[in-house]
Amino acid sequence: MNAEKAFQRFFQGKSGFPRYKRKKDQDVKCYFPRNNKTDWTVERHRIKIPTLGWVRLKEYGYIPKHAVVRSGTVSKKAGRYFVSVLCEVEDAKPNVSLQSTGIGIDLGVKTFAVCSDGRVFQNINYTQKVRKLKKKLRREQRSLSRKYENLKKRGEKSATKRGANIDKNIFRVQKLHARLANIRLEYVKFVANEVAKTKPRYVVIENLNVKG
């Protein structure tokens, strides 16, 4: 369905030629549309996925129980399964009283962000927790690289065969990558939430290539 939509947009001149995704073990997704009325029924601690049936949720409260679910996608990342659903909810416009002035944000390298009201958000990569995880990740990556080098030394035929220890090492590397990504994403959400709590009328930010 996604490929058909992408090619239709390409032939209509709305977008470029579709780029194919490289399928890997750590990023497997499955799309489920809603075909029956009982599909995608949401309760407090479980959800009914088409074909799979009732599946227990580890986290509560993220999916609204009274919303109409149109479709959903089940994905697997670093040994964990996630479900994301497309819901229909009523559009509620909140009444928020904003301040008369705005806020400026300066992105940095040593500090994550410096706000014009004096608040400074430190870089999460310099904390002790992230440094320990990055050190552990380097150790696991070196171990995985040595395993592949040993396979190459044995011969070209055995280099294509992965053993159980290599799969275990790949899984450990995937878990560390996912944990670091979750920590960084959560910190970005925390900073954005703190800025939004001040209720500025507008936000000014640099138009720089920070990633570069």
C-alpha atoms as a PDB file:
ATOM      1  CA  MET A   1       0.000   0.000   0.000  1.00  0.00           C
ATOM      2  CA  ASN A   2       2.787   2.423   0.849  1.00  0.00           C
ATOM      3  CA  ALA A   3       4.681   1.507  -2.332  1.00  0.00           C
ATOM      4  CA  GLU A   4       1.569   2.048  -4.454  1.00  0.00           C
ATOM      5  CA  LYS A   5       0.992   5.472  -2.913  1.00  0.00           C
ATOM      6  CA  ALA A   6       4.652   6.429  -3.413  1.00  0.00           C
ATOM      7  CA  PHE A   7       4.622   5.432  -7.100  1.00  0.00           C
ATOM      8  CA  GLN A   8       1.342   7.267  -7.695  1.00  0.00           C
ATOM      9  CA  ARG A   9       2.844  10.449  -6.273  1.00  0.00           C
ATOM     10  CA  PHE A  10       5.946   9.911  -8.427  1.00  0.00           C
ATOM     11  CA  PHE A  11       3.990   9.526 -11.678  1.00  0.00           C
ATOM     12  CA  GLN A  12       1.847  12.540 -10.791  1.00  0.00           C
ATOM     13  CA  GLY A  13       4.997  14.615 -10.373  1.00  0.00           C
ATOM     14  CA  LYS A  14       4.374  15.364  -6.697  1.00  0.00           C
ATOM     15  CA  SER A  15       7.501  13.639  -5.358  1.00  0.00           C
ATOM     16  CA  GLY A  16      10.691  11.929  -6.465  1.00  0.00           C
ATOM     17  CA  PHE A  17      11.304   8.290  -7.225  1.00  0.00           C
ATOM     18  CA  PRO A  18      10.631   6.090  -4.165  1.00  0.00           C
ATOM     19  CA  ARG A  19      13.665   5.021  -2.210  1.00  0.00           C
ATOM     20  CA  TYR A  20      13.667   1.437  -1.047  1.00  0.00           C
ATOM     21  CA  LYS A  21      14.329   0.700   2.597  1.00  0.00           C
ATOM     22  CA  ARG A  22      16.931  -1.780   3.651  1.00  0.00           C
ATOM     23  CA  LYS A  23      15.250  -4.394   5.816  1.00  0.00           C
ATOM     24  CA  LYS A  24      17.199  -5.371   8.898  1.00  0.00           C
ATOM     25  CA  ASP A  25      16.431  -7.607  11.831  1.00  0.00           C
ATOM     26  CA  GLN A  26      16.288  -4.727  14.319  1.00  0.00           C
ATOM     27  CA  ASP A  27      13.724  -2.686  12.381  1.00  0.00           C
ATOM     28  CA  VAL A  28      10.837  -4.951  11.374  1.00  0.00           C
ATOM     29  CA  LYS A  29       7.382  -3.397  10.937  1.00  0.00           C
ATOM     30  CA  CYS A  30       3.976  -4.854  10.152  1.00  0.00           C
ATOM     31  CA  TYR A  31       0.933  -2.777   9.178  1.00  0.00           C
ATOM     32  CA  PHE A  32      -2.595  -3.836  10.184  1.00  0.00           C
ATOM     33  CA  PRO A  33      -5.656  -1.989   8.804  1.00  0.00           C
ATOM     34  CA  ARG A  34      -9.011  -2.150  10.553  1.00  0.00           C
ATOM     35  CA  ASN A  35     -11.207  -4.594   8.636  1.00  0.00           C
ATOM     36  CA  ASN A  36     -13.760  -5.581  11.313  1.00  0.00           C
ATOM     37  CA  LYS A  37     -15.552  -3.645  14.043  1.00  0.00           C
ATOM     38  CA  THR A  38     -13.786  -5.578  16.795  1.00  0.00           C
ATOM     39  CA  ASP A  39     -10.312  -4.913  15.395  1.00  0.00           C
ATOM     40  CA  TRP A  40      -8.091  -2.533  17.319  1.00  0.00           C
ATOM     41  CA  THR A  41     -10.194  -2.535  20.466  1.00  0.00           C
ATOM     42  CA  VAL A  42      -8.355  -0.638  23.190  1.00  0.00           C
ATOM     43  CA  GLU A  43      -8.683  -1.344  26.908  1.00  0.00           C
ATOM     44  CA  ARG A  44      -6.666  -0.173  29.883  1.00  0.00           C
ATOM     45  CA  HIS A  45      -4.018  -2.894  29.856  1.00  0.00           C
ATOM     46  CA  ARG A  46      -4.451  -4.620  26.486  1.00  0.00           C
ATOM     47  CA  ILE A  47      -5.209  -4.047  22.808  1.00  0.00           C
ATOM     48  CA  LYS A  48      -6.783  -6.310  20.192  1.00  0.00           C
ATOM     49  CA  ILE A  49      -4.586  -6.449  17.085  1.00  0.00           C
ATOM     50  CA  PRO A  50      -6.015  -8.010  13.895  1.00  0.00           C
ATOM     51  CA  THR A  51      -4.787 -11.594  13.288  1.00  0.00           C
ATOM     52  CA  LEU A  52      -2.817 -11.568  16.555  1.00  0.00           C
ATOM     53  CA  GLY A  53      -5.716 -11.064  18.961  1.00  0.00           C
ATOM     54  CA  TRP A  54      -5.450  -9.581  22.441  1.00  0.00           C
ATOM     55  CA  VAL A  55      -1.962  -8.387  23.395  1.00  0.00           C
ATOM     56  CA  ARG A  56      -1.059  -7.058  26.819  1.00  0.00           C
ATOM     57  CA  LEU A  57       0.385  -3.541  27.030  1.00  0.00           C
ATOM     58  CA  LYS A  58       3.308  -2.807  29.307  1.00  0.00           C
ATOM     59  CA  GLU A  59       2.600   0.941  29.397  1.00  0.00           C
ATOM     60  CA  TYR A  60      -0.842   2.324  30.205  1.00  0.00           C
ATOM     61  CA  GLY A  61      -2.546   5.542  29.233  1.00  0.00           C
ATOM     62  CA  TYR A  62      -0.787   6.336  25.965  1.00  0.00           C
ATOM     63  CA  ILE A  63      -3.610   5.082  23.715  1.00  0.00           C
ATOM     64  CA  PRO A  64      -6.999   6.752  24.387  1.00  0.00           C
ATOM     65  CA  LYS A  65      -9.625   4.150  25.266  1.00  0.00           C
ATOM     66  CA  HIS A  66     -12.614   5.995  23.773  1.00  0.00           C
ATOM     67  CA  ALA A  67     -10.944   6.926  20.476  1.00  0.00           C
ATOM     68  CA  VAL A  68     -11.698   5.243  17.149  1.00  0.00           C
ATOM     69  CA  VAL A  69      -8.604   3.402  15.911  1.00  0.00           C
ATOM     70  CA  ARG A  70      -8.319   3.243  12.108  1.00  0.00           C
ATOM     71  CA  SER A  71      -5.072   1.318  11.712  1.00  0.00           C
ATOM     72  CA  GLY A  72      -1.895   0.410  13.504  1.00  0.00           C
ATOM     73  CA  THR A  73       1.681  -0.721  13.043  1.00  0.00           C
ATOM     74  CA  VAL A  74       3.597  -3.255  15.131  1.00  0.00           C
ATOM     75  CA  SER A  75       7.362  -2.784  15.106  1.00  0.00           C
ATOM     76  CA  LYS A  76      10.305  -4.547  16.710  1.00  0.00           C
ATOM     77  CA  LYS A  77      13.392  -2.706  17.876  1.00  0.00           C
ATOM     78  CA  ALA A  78      16.256  -4.154  19.907  1.00  0.00           C
ATOM     79  CA  GLY A  79      14.198  -7.121  21.060  1.00  0.00           C
ATOM     80  CA  ARG A  80      11.176  -5.066  22.117  1.00  0.00           C
ATOM     81  CA  TYR A  81       7.818  -4.811  20.390  1.00  0.00           C
ATOM     82  CA  PHE A  82       6.005  -1.493  19.954  1.00  0.00           C
ATOM     83  CA  VAL A  83       2.563  -0.635  18.627  1.00  0.00           C
ATOM     84  CA  SER A  84       1.590   2.725  17.155  1.00  0.00           C
ATOM     85  CA  VAL A  85      -2.023   3.394  16.201  1.00  0.00           C
ATOM     86  CA  LEU A  86      -3.854   5.991  14.117  1.00  0.00           C
ATOM     87  CA  CYS A  87      -6.764   7.353  16.190  1.00  0.00           C
ATOM     88  CA  GLU A  88      -9.652   9.690  15.529  1.00  0.00           C
ATOM     89  CA  VAL A  89     -10.279  12.083  18.405  1.00  0.00           C
ATOM     90  CA  GLU A  90     -12.197  15.312  18.726  1.00  0.00           C
ATOM     91  CA  ASP A  91     -10.123  18.402  18.067  1.00  0.00           C
ATOM     92  CA  ALA A  92     -10.108  20.430  21.270  1.00  0.00           C
ATOM     93  CA  LYS A  93      -8.652  23.927  21.172  1.00  0.00           C
ATOM     94  CA  PRO A  94      -7.218  24.777  24.596  1.00  0.00           C
ATOM     95  CA  ASN A  95      -7.519  28.272  26.012  1.00  0.00           C
ATOM     96  CA  VAL A  96      -3.998  29.202  27.093  1.00  0.00           C
ATOM     97  CA  SER A  97      -3.049  32.663  28.277  1.00  0.00           C
ATOM     98  CA  LEU A  98       0.366  33.449  26.791  1.00  0.00           C
ATOM     99  CA  GLN A  99       2.914  35.951  28.013  1.00  0.00           C
ATOM    100  CA  SER A 100       3.420  39.277  26.290  1.00  0.00           C
ATOM    101  CA  THR A 101       7.029  38.478  25.356  1.00  0.00           C
ATOM    102  CA  GLY A 102       8.743  35.569  23.661  1.00  0.00           C
ATOM    103  CA  ILE A 103      11.865  33.537  24.380  1.00  0.00           C
ATOM    104  CA  GLY A 104      15.103  33.043  22.485  1.00  0.00           C
ATOM    105  CA  ILE A 105      17.066  29.786  22.445  1.00  0.00           C
ATOM    106  CA  ASP A 106      20.755  29.505  21.598  1.00  0.00           C
ATOM    107  CA  LEU A 107      21.965  26.002  20.769  1.00  0.00           C
ATOM    108  CA  GLY A 108      25.514  25.164  21.739  1.00  0.00           C
ATOM    109  CA  VAL A 109      28.068  22.364  21.882  1.00  0.00           C
ATOM    110  CA  LYS A 110      29.173  22.411  25.513  1.00  0.00           C
ATOM    111  CA  THR A 111      25.648  23.271  26.650  1.00  0.00           C
ATOM    112  CA  PHE A 112      22.558  21.886  24.976  1.00  0.00           C
ATOM    113  CA  ALA A 113      20.600  25.159  25.000  1.00  0.00           C
ATOM    114  CA  VAL A 114      20.792  28.597  26.601  1.00  0.00           C
ATOM    115  CA  CYS A 115      17.525  30.520  26.946  1.00  0.00           C
ATOM    116  CA  SER A 116      17.152  34.263  26.987  1.00  0.00           C
ATOM    117  CA  ASP A 117      15.502  34.125  30.424  1.00  0.00           C
ATOM    118  CA  GLY A 118      18.748  32.831  31.959  1.00  0.00           C
ATOM    119  CA  ARG A 119      18.078  29.100  32.043  1.00  0.00           C
ATOM    120  CA  VAL A 120      20.847  26.803  30.837  1.00  0.00           C
ATOM    121  CA  PHE A 121      20.270  23.174  29.825  1.00  0.00           C
ATOM    122  CA  GLN A 122      23.410  21.071  30.020  1.00  0.00           C
ATOM    123  CA  ASN A 123      24.520  18.615  27.348  1.00  0.00           C
ATOM    124  CA  ILE A 124      23.180  15.157  28.165  1.00  0.00           C
ATOM    125  CA  ASN A 125      26.165  13.481  26.457  1.00  0.00           C
ATOM    126  CA  TYR A 126      28.521  14.724  29.175  1.00  0.00           C
ATOM    127  CA  THR A 127      26.657  13.102  32.057  1.00  0.00           C
ATOM    128  CA  GLN A 128      28.107  10.122  33.874  1.00  0.00           C
ATOM    129  CA  LYS A 129      25.260   7.807  32.884  1.00  0.00           C
ATOM    130  CA  VAL A 130      25.624   8.425  29.147  1.00  0.00           C
ATOM    131  CA  ARG A 131      29.416   8.198  29.323  1.00  0.00           C
ATOM    132  CA  LYS A 132      29.192   4.770  30.943  1.00  0.00           C
ATOM    133  CA  LEU A 133      26.774   3.552  28.291  1.00  0.00           C
ATOM    134  CA  LYS A 134      28.992   4.869  25.483  1.00  0.00           C
ATOM    135  CA  LYS A 135      32.012   3.155  27.016  1.00  0.00           C
ATOM    136  CA  LYS A 136      30.062  -0.091  27.237  1.00  0.00           C
ATOM    137  CA  LEU A 137      28.944   0.336  23.632  1.00  0.00           C
ATOM    138  CA  ARG A 138      32.529   0.779  22.430  1.00  0.00           C
ATOM    139  CA  ARG A 139      33.519  -2.395  24.250  1.00  0.00           C
ATOM    140  CA  GLU A 140      30.690  -4.403  22.682  1.00  0.00           C
ATOM    141  CA  GLN A 141      31.455  -3.028  19.212  1.00  0.00           C
ATOM    142  CA  ARG A 142      35.112  -3.988  19.518  1.00  0.00           C
ATOM    143  CA  SER A 143      34.079  -7.467  20.592  1.00  0.00           C
ATOM    144  CA  LEU A 144      31.738  -7.779  17.609  1.00  0.00           C
ATOM    145  CA  SER A 145      34.408  -6.543  15.207  1.00  0.00           C
ATOM    146  CA  ARG A 146      36.884  -9.148  16.488  1.00  0.00           C
ATOM    147  CA  LYS A 147      34.344 -11.919  15.925  1.00  0.00           C
ATOM    148  CA  TYR A 148      33.872 -10.881  12.298  1.00  0.00           C
ATOM    149  CA  GLU A 149      37.646 -10.613  11.782  1.00  0.00           C
ATOM    150  CA  ASN A 150      38.082 -14.134  13.108  1.00  0.00           C
ATOM    151  CA  LEU A 151      35.462 -15.367  10.643  1.00  0.00           C
ATOM    152  CA  LYS A 152      37.346 -13.765   7.753  1.00  0.00           C
ATOM    153  CA  LYS A 153      40.610 -15.370   8.831  1.00  0.00           C
ATOM    154  CA  ARG A 154      39.039 -18.833   8.737  1.00  0.00           C
ATOM    155  CA  GLY A 155      38.059 -18.466   5.100  1.00  0.00           C
ATOM    156  CA  GLU A 156      35.618 -16.804   2.732  1.00  0.00           C
ATOM    157  CA  LYS A 157      33.010 -19.549   3.028  1.00  0.00           C
ATOM    158  CA  SER A 158      32.746 -19.348   6.815  1.00  0.00           C
ATOM    159  CA  ALA A 159      32.612 -15.517   6.737  1.00  0.00           C
ATOM    160  CA  THR A 160      29.030 -15.635   5.498  1.00  0.00           C
ATOM    161  CA  LYS A 161      27.885 -17.825   8.394  1.00  0.00           C
ATOM    162  CA  ARG A 162      27.058 -16.134  11.673  1.00  0.00           C
ATOM    163  CA  GLY A 163      27.234 -18.040  14.900  1.00  0.00           C
ATOM    164  CA  ALA A 164      25.032 -17.742  17.962  1.00  0.00           C
ATOM    165  CA  ASN A 165      27.625 -15.659  19.808  1.00  0.00           C
ATOM    166  CA  ILE A 166      27.671 -13.066  17.024  1.00  0.00           C
ATOM    167  CA  ASP A 167      23.872 -12.813  17.128  1.00  0.00           C
ATOM    168  CA  LYS A 168      24.007 -12.304  20.890  1.00  0.00           C
ATOM    169  CA  ASN A 169      26.650  -9.617  20.497  1.00  0.00           C
ATOM    170  CA  ILE A 170      24.616  -7.842  17.795  1.00  0.00           C
ATOM    171  CA  PHE A 171      21.606  -7.880  20.120  1.00  0.00           C
ATOM    172  CA  ARG A 172      23.639  -6.293  22.939  1.00  0.00           C
ATOM    173  CA  VAL A 173      24.843  -3.548  20.582  1.00  0.00           C
ATOM    174  CA  GLN A 174      21.273  -2.906  19.410  1.00  0.00           C
ATOM    175  CA  LYS A 175      20.027  -2.603  23.008  1.00  0.00           C
ATOM    176  CA  LEU A 176      22.734  -0.073  23.892  1.00  0.00           C
ATOM    177  CA  HIS A 177      22.028   1.993  20.766  1.00  0.00           C
ATOM    178  CA  ALA A 178      18.294   1.990  21.567  1.00  0.00           C
ATOM    179  CA  ARG A 179      18.889   2.973  25.196  1.00  0.00           C
ATOM    180  CA  LEU A 180      21.135   5.887  24.258  1.00  0.00           C
ATOM    181  CA  ALA A 181      18.637   7.058  21.642  1.00  0.00           C
ATOM    182  CA  ASN A 182      15.792   6.898  24.186  1.00  0.00           C
ATOM    183  CA  ILE A 183      17.776   8.895  26.763  1.00  0.00           C
ATOM    184  CA  ARG A 184      18.594  11.637  24.250  1.00  0.00           C
ATOM    185  CA  LEU A 185      15.061  11.799  22.887  1.00  0.00           C
ATOM    186  CA  GLU A 186      13.587  11.996  26.375  1.00  0.00           C
ATOM    187  CA  TYR A 187      15.940  14.853  27.256  1.00  0.00           C
ATOM    188  CA  VAL A 188      14.930  16.799  24.135  1.00  0.00           C
ATOM    189  CA  LYS A 189      11.270  16.338  25.082  1.00  0.00           C
ATOM    190  CA  PHE A 190      12.043  17.488  28.628  1.00  0.00           C
ATOM    191  CA  VAL A 191      13.705  20.691  27.381  1.00  0.00           C
ATOM    192  CA  ALA A 192      10.838  21.398  24.976  1.00  0.00           C
ATOM    193  CA  ASN A 193       8.342  20.834  27.788  1.00  0.00           C
ATOM    194  CA  GLU A 194      10.198  23.188  30.124  1.00  0.00           C
ATOM    195  CA  VAL A 195      10.215  25.891  27.462  1.00  0.00           C
ATOM    196  CA  ALA A 196       6.506  25.400  26.751  1.00  0.00           C
ATOM    197  CA  LYS A 197       5.671  25.665  30.470  1.00  0.00           C
ATOM    198  CA  THR A 198       6.786  29.287  30.475  1.00  0.00           C
ATOM    199  CA  LYS A 199       4.040  29.969  27.857  1.00  0.00           C
ATOM    200  CA  PRO A 200       5.998  32.347  25.620  1.00  0.00           C
ATOM    201  CA  ARG A 201       4.163  34.172  22.859  1.00  0.00           C
ATOM    202  CA  TYR A 202       6.807  33.143  20.334  1.00  0.00           C
ATOM    203  CA  VAL A 203      10.070  31.187  20.246  1.00  0.00           C
ATOM    204  CA  VAL A 204      13.148  32.457  18.397  1.00  0.00           C
ATOM    205  CA  ILE A 205      15.896  30.005  17.445  1.00  0.00           C
ATOM    206  CA  GLU A 206      19.017  30.149  15.298  1.00  0.00           C
ATOM    207  CA  ASN A 207      18.794  29.101  11.670  1.00  0.00           C
ATOM    208  CA  LEU A 208      22.103  27.255  11.691  1.00  0.00           C
ATOM    209  CA  ASN A 209      23.224  23.858  10.504  1.00  0.00           C
ATOM    210  CA  VAL A 210      23.786  22.571  14.023  1.00  0.00           C
ATOM    211  CA  LYS A 211      24.280  18.975  12.898  1.00  0.00           C
ATOM    212  CA  GLY A 212      27.032  20.054  10.517  1.00  0.00           C
END
